[in-house]
N, C-alpha and C. Protein backbone atom coordinates (compact mmCIF):
# COMPACT_ATOMS: atom_id res chain seq x y z
N UNK A 1 136.79 101.12 144.70
CA UNK A 1 135.46 100.49 144.74
C UNK A 1 135.18 101.48 142.90
N UNK A 2 135.51 102.68 143.22
CA UNK A 2 134.56 103.55 142.29
C UNK A 2 135.08 102.69 141.05
N UNK A 3 136.12 101.82 140.51
CA UNK A 3 136.59 101.38 139.52
C UNK A 3 135.85 100.19 139.09
N UNK A 4 135.79 99.55 140.32
CA UNK A 4 134.37 98.50 140.01
C UNK A 4 132.90 98.67 139.73
N UNK A 5 132.64 99.84 140.24
CA UNK A 5 131.10 100.38 139.38
C UNK A 5 131.54 101.00 138.32
N UNK A 6 132.60 101.55 137.69
CA UNK A 6 132.46 102.04 136.56
C UNK A 6 132.45 100.54 135.68
N UNK A 7 132.97 100.20 135.95
CA UNK A 7 132.98 98.63 134.90
C UNK A 7 131.59 98.12 134.99
N UNK A 8 130.76 98.19 135.94
CA UNK A 8 129.62 97.60 136.19
C UNK A 8 128.50 98.68 135.22
N UNK A 9 128.90 99.71 135.31
CA UNK A 9 127.86 100.88 134.70
C UNK A 9 128.33 100.50 132.97
N UNK A 10 129.29 100.18 132.70
CA UNK A 10 130.10 99.77 131.40
C UNK A 10 129.58 98.94 130.89
N UNK A 11 129.60 97.71 131.76
CA UNK A 11 128.68 96.51 131.13
C UNK A 11 127.79 96.79 130.84
N UNK A 12 126.62 97.50 131.30
CA UNK A 12 125.40 97.77 131.95
C UNK A 12 124.38 98.48 130.69
N UNK A 13 126.08 99.67 130.08
CA UNK A 13 125.20 100.20 129.20
C UNK A 13 126.08 99.71 128.06
N UNK A 14 126.41 98.69 127.76
CA UNK A 14 127.09 97.87 126.34
C UNK A 14 126.14 96.78 125.99
N UNK A 15 125.84 96.25 127.34
CA UNK A 15 124.13 95.13 127.42
C UNK A 15 123.32 96.02 126.74
N UNK A 16 122.99 97.32 127.25
CA UNK A 16 121.90 97.71 126.65
C UNK A 16 121.80 98.03 125.09
N UNK A 17 123.42 98.81 124.81
CA UNK A 17 123.42 99.40 123.38
C UNK A 17 123.22 97.65 122.56
N UNK A 18 123.75 96.66 122.99
CA UNK A 18 124.14 95.54 122.28
C UNK A 18 122.09 94.89 121.58
N UNK A 19 121.11 95.24 123.03
CA UNK A 19 120.26 94.52 122.79
C UNK A 19 119.70 95.34 121.48
N UNK A 20 119.34 96.62 121.81
CA UNK A 20 119.11 97.62 121.25
C UNK A 20 119.32 97.78 119.34
N UNK A 21 121.00 97.55 119.43
CA UNK A 21 121.35 97.10 118.01
C UNK A 21 120.51 95.72 117.85
N UNK A 22 120.29 94.76 118.70
CA UNK A 22 120.09 93.21 118.51
C UNK A 22 118.35 93.39 117.47
N UNK A 23 117.34 94.14 118.37
CA UNK A 23 116.25 94.81 118.31
C UNK A 23 115.80 95.47 116.38
N UNK A 24 116.78 96.67 116.63
CA UNK A 24 116.97 97.29 115.36
C UNK A 24 117.25 95.90 113.97
N UNK A 25 117.89 95.34 114.37
CA UNK A 25 118.38 94.17 113.13
C UNK A 25 116.94 93.16 112.45
N UNK A 26 116.04 92.92 113.48
CA UNK A 26 115.12 92.00 113.43
C UNK A 26 113.72 92.68 112.51
N UNK A 27 114.15 94.13 112.67
CA UNK A 27 112.56 94.78 111.68
C UNK A 27 113.03 94.91 110.43
N UNK A 28 112.53 95.59 110.00
CA UNK A 28 112.36 96.21 108.41
C UNK A 28 112.17 94.90 107.20
N UNK A 29 110.92 94.22 107.60
CA UNK A 29 110.63 93.03 106.33
C UNK A 29 110.18 93.63 105.22
N UNK A 30 110.50 94.96 104.84
CA UNK A 30 109.47 95.72 103.60
C UNK A 30 110.59 95.13 102.53
N UNK A 31 112.10 95.03 102.39
CA UNK A 31 113.26 94.51 101.24
C UNK A 31 112.71 92.85 101.19
N UNK A 32 112.27 92.10 102.28
CA UNK A 32 111.83 90.83 101.83
C UNK A 32 111.78 90.52 100.86
N UNK A 33 112.19 89.65 99.84
CA UNK A 33 111.90 89.22 98.38
C UNK A 33 111.71 87.49 98.33
N UNK A 34 110.48 86.98 97.72
CA UNK A 34 109.96 85.78 97.76
C UNK A 34 111.32 85.47 96.48
N UNK A 35 112.01 84.46 97.17
CA UNK A 35 112.60 83.77 96.32
C UNK A 35 112.53 82.61 95.39
N UNK A 36 112.24 82.30 93.91
CA UNK A 36 111.94 80.91 92.89
C UNK A 36 112.69 79.76 93.30
N UNK A 37 112.48 78.44 93.58
CA UNK A 37 113.47 77.70 93.26
C UNK A 37 114.00 77.34 91.87
N UNK A 38 115.06 76.70 91.58
CA UNK A 38 115.69 76.79 90.62
C UNK A 38 114.71 75.64 89.67
N UNK A 39 114.90 76.00 88.50
CA UNK A 39 113.82 75.05 88.08
C UNK A 39 114.96 73.76 87.66
N UNK A 40 114.64 72.63 86.81
CA UNK A 40 115.65 71.06 87.09
C UNK A 40 116.68 71.64 85.99
N UNK A 41 116.31 72.28 84.99
CA UNK A 41 117.59 72.61 83.86
C UNK A 41 118.34 73.72 84.25
N UNK A 42 118.01 74.38 85.34
CA UNK A 42 118.79 75.39 86.20
C UNK A 42 120.04 74.67 86.50
N UNK A 43 119.03 73.73 87.66
CA UNK A 43 120.11 73.38 88.89
C UNK A 43 121.02 72.25 88.06
N UNK A 44 120.68 71.97 86.84
CA UNK A 44 121.64 70.61 86.31
C UNK A 44 122.64 71.62 85.19
N UNK A 45 122.37 73.18 84.43
CA UNK A 45 122.93 73.98 84.31
C UNK A 45 124.39 74.75 85.42
N UNK A 46 123.63 74.85 86.56
CA UNK A 46 124.51 75.18 87.78
C UNK A 46 125.96 73.86 88.37
N UNK A 47 125.60 73.09 88.13
CA UNK A 47 126.45 71.77 88.43
C UNK A 47 127.52 71.62 87.23
N UNK A 48 126.43 71.96 86.06
CA UNK A 48 127.69 71.26 84.49
C UNK A 48 128.63 72.57 84.60
N UNK A 49 128.35 73.61 85.17
CA UNK A 49 129.23 75.15 85.17
C UNK A 49 130.24 74.87 85.98
N UNK A 50 129.73 74.27 87.67
CA UNK A 50 131.02 73.53 88.40
C UNK A 50 131.61 73.10 87.73
N UNK A 51 131.46 71.67 87.30
CA UNK A 51 132.49 70.62 86.61
C UNK A 51 133.20 71.28 85.53
N UNK A 52 133.15 71.97 84.44
CA UNK A 52 133.43 72.65 83.60
C UNK A 52 134.65 73.71 83.90
N UNK A 53 134.18 74.15 85.45
CA UNK A 53 135.37 74.99 85.77
C UNK A 53 136.43 74.11 87.15
N UNK A 54 136.20 72.73 86.66
CA UNK A 54 137.08 72.00 87.65
C UNK A 54 136.80 70.85 88.71
N UNK A 55 135.61 71.63 89.48
CA UNK A 55 134.99 71.37 90.35
C UNK A 55 134.81 69.88 90.44
N UNK A 56 135.03 69.60 91.82
CA UNK A 56 135.16 67.48 91.57
C UNK A 56 133.93 67.02 91.79
N UNK A 57 133.45 65.95 91.68
CA UNK A 57 131.70 65.63 91.80
C UNK A 57 131.85 65.00 93.40
N UNK A 58 130.81 65.29 93.83
CA UNK A 58 130.22 65.27 95.03
C UNK A 58 128.89 64.96 95.32
N UNK A 59 128.41 64.77 96.63
CA UNK A 59 127.36 64.21 96.94
C UNK A 59 125.83 65.13 95.90
N UNK A 60 126.04 65.81 94.96
CA UNK A 60 125.22 66.49 94.17
C UNK A 60 125.24 65.36 92.89
N UNK A 61 125.51 64.30 93.09
CA UNK A 61 125.75 63.15 92.17
C UNK A 61 123.95 62.21 92.67
N UNK A 62 123.90 62.31 93.77
CA UNK A 62 123.04 61.59 94.34
C UNK A 62 121.89 62.39 93.90
N UNK A 63 121.45 63.85 92.98
CA UNK A 63 120.09 64.10 92.75
C UNK A 63 120.14 64.34 91.48
N UNK A 64 121.12 63.43 90.34
CA UNK A 64 120.99 63.80 88.94
C UNK A 64 119.60 63.00 89.02
N UNK A 65 119.17 61.73 89.15
CA UNK A 65 117.86 61.35 88.67
C UNK A 65 116.99 62.39 89.26
N UNK A 66 116.64 63.00 90.20
CA UNK A 66 115.41 63.67 90.12
C UNK A 66 115.73 65.06 89.43
N UNK A 67 116.87 65.56 89.07
CA UNK A 67 116.77 66.48 88.45
C UNK A 67 116.68 66.33 86.91
N UNK A 68 116.50 64.88 86.67
CA UNK A 68 116.42 64.80 84.69
C UNK A 68 115.18 65.09 84.74
N UNK A 69 114.27 64.04 85.96
CA UNK A 69 112.59 64.18 86.28
C UNK A 69 112.13 65.10 86.34
N UNK A 70 112.86 66.01 87.10
CA UNK A 70 112.13 67.60 86.81
C UNK A 70 112.45 68.27 85.56
N UNK A 71 113.32 67.97 84.65
CA UNK A 71 113.52 68.20 83.24
C UNK A 71 112.72 67.50 82.65
N UNK A 72 111.80 66.02 82.63
CA UNK A 72 111.42 65.73 81.95
C UNK A 72 109.97 66.19 81.77
N UNK A 73 109.55 66.81 82.75
CA UNK A 73 108.50 67.48 83.06
C UNK A 73 108.10 68.40 82.01
N UNK A 74 108.77 69.32 81.82
CA UNK A 74 109.31 69.96 80.55
C UNK A 74 109.56 70.19 79.51
N UNK A 75 110.79 69.70 79.21
CA UNK A 75 111.52 69.19 77.82
C UNK A 75 111.63 68.01 78.02
N UNK A 76 111.19 66.88 77.53
CA UNK A 76 111.67 65.25 77.31
C UNK A 76 113.12 65.33 76.98
N UNK A 77 113.44 65.76 75.71
CA UNK A 77 114.29 65.96 74.91
C UNK A 77 115.40 66.47 75.46
N UNK A 78 115.69 67.28 76.08
CA UNK A 78 116.85 67.29 76.78
C UNK A 78 116.79 66.81 78.51
N UNK A 79 115.84 66.16 78.57
CA UNK A 79 116.00 65.03 80.03
C UNK A 79 116.51 64.04 79.39
N UNK A 80 116.24 63.56 78.27
CA UNK A 80 117.36 62.32 77.98
C UNK A 80 118.68 62.89 77.44
N UNK A 81 119.29 63.80 77.17
CA UNK A 81 120.38 64.03 76.95
C UNK A 81 121.42 64.22 78.07
N UNK A 82 120.55 64.74 78.98
CA UNK A 82 120.54 65.18 80.26
C UNK A 82 120.68 63.58 81.03
N UNK A 83 120.12 62.85 81.10
CA UNK A 83 120.48 61.24 81.34
C UNK A 83 121.56 60.47 81.13
N UNK A 84 121.83 61.02 80.26
CA UNK A 84 123.20 60.23 79.40
C UNK A 84 123.84 60.89 79.97
N UNK A 85 124.28 62.14 79.97
CA UNK A 85 125.36 63.31 80.39
C UNK A 85 125.78 62.66 81.66
N UNK A 86 124.73 62.86 82.17
CA UNK A 86 124.82 62.07 84.14
C UNK A 86 125.54 60.79 83.91
N UNK A 87 124.81 60.17 83.38
CA UNK A 87 125.47 58.67 83.03
C UNK A 87 126.95 58.55 82.92
N UNK A 88 127.07 59.30 82.25
CA UNK A 88 128.52 59.53 81.31
C UNK A 88 129.44 60.11 82.36
N UNK A 89 129.03 60.85 82.89
CA UNK A 89 129.78 61.96 84.07
C UNK A 89 129.99 61.06 85.08
N UNK A 90 129.20 60.06 85.70
CA UNK A 90 129.07 59.29 86.64
C UNK A 90 130.44 58.32 86.56
N UNK A 91 130.39 57.57 84.96
CA UNK A 91 130.67 56.22 84.96
C UNK A 91 132.09 56.87 84.40
N UNK A 92 132.90 57.66 83.61
CA UNK A 92 134.08 57.97 83.80
C UNK A 92 134.34 59.38 84.02
N UNK A 93 134.67 59.44 85.54
CA UNK A 93 135.55 61.00 85.86
C UNK A 93 136.82 61.80 85.27
N UNK A 94 136.95 60.41 84.42
CA UNK A 94 138.57 61.67 82.84
C UNK A 94 137.55 62.27 82.58
N UNK A 95 138.41 63.91 82.49
CA UNK A 95 138.42 64.81 81.25
C UNK A 95 136.64 65.36 81.79
N UNK A 96 136.69 65.50 83.11
CA UNK A 96 134.78 65.86 83.81
C UNK A 96 134.87 67.26 82.96
N UNK A 97 135.69 68.05 82.77
CA UNK A 97 135.54 69.51 82.30
C UNK A 97 134.80 69.66 80.89
N UNK A 98 135.43 68.28 80.44
CA UNK A 98 135.31 69.04 78.69
C UNK A 98 133.81 68.21 78.69
N UNK A 99 133.79 67.02 79.05
CA UNK A 99 132.10 66.47 79.31
C UNK A 99 131.38 67.16 79.16
N UNK A 100 131.51 68.14 80.79
CA UNK A 100 130.99 68.88 81.12
C UNK A 100 130.19 70.06 80.51
N UNK A 101 131.28 70.69 79.73
CA UNK A 101 131.42 71.71 78.40
C UNK A 101 130.43 71.43 77.52
N UNK A 102 130.73 69.92 77.15
CA UNK A 102 129.93 69.08 75.80
C UNK A 102 128.59 69.47 75.90
N UNK A 103 128.31 69.10 77.28
CA UNK A 103 126.77 68.46 77.51
C UNK A 103 125.84 70.10 78.01
N UNK A 104 126.87 70.89 78.30
CA UNK A 104 126.03 72.20 78.43
C UNK A 104 125.65 72.72 77.14
N UNK A 105 126.71 72.60 76.16
CA UNK A 105 126.68 72.75 74.54
C UNK A 105 124.85 72.49 73.96
N UNK A 106 124.99 71.47 74.56
CA UNK A 106 123.67 70.56 73.99
C UNK A 106 122.00 70.72 74.41
N UNK A 107 122.31 71.53 75.56
CA UNK A 107 121.48 71.85 76.68
C UNK A 107 121.10 73.83 76.28
C-alpha cells in the first residue's frame, strides 16, 4: 500500500515539475526577432548553391517563375539571366552542378 502511494506522489510531483517547466519555456519574448523574407535573388542563389553542391532538383523548380518575377522587380537584367539559366537547368539536368556554378557567377 505504501509503495502505491509513493508512486502516486512521485507521479504527481513529476506532473507538477513538467507543468512548471512548460510554463517557464513559454515566456521571455525579449529575444524574439523579426525575420525578413528572402529576396528573389537570395532565394535563387540559395537554390543554385544547393545544385552546385550536387543536390537534385525537387519541387523548388515549380517556384522558378515566381523567383524570376521577384528579381525582375529590382533587376530586370539579372532576371533575364536567371530565367534562361533556370530553363536550361530544367531542360537538361546533366551536369547541373557546373551549370549552377556558372549561373551563380553571372549573378
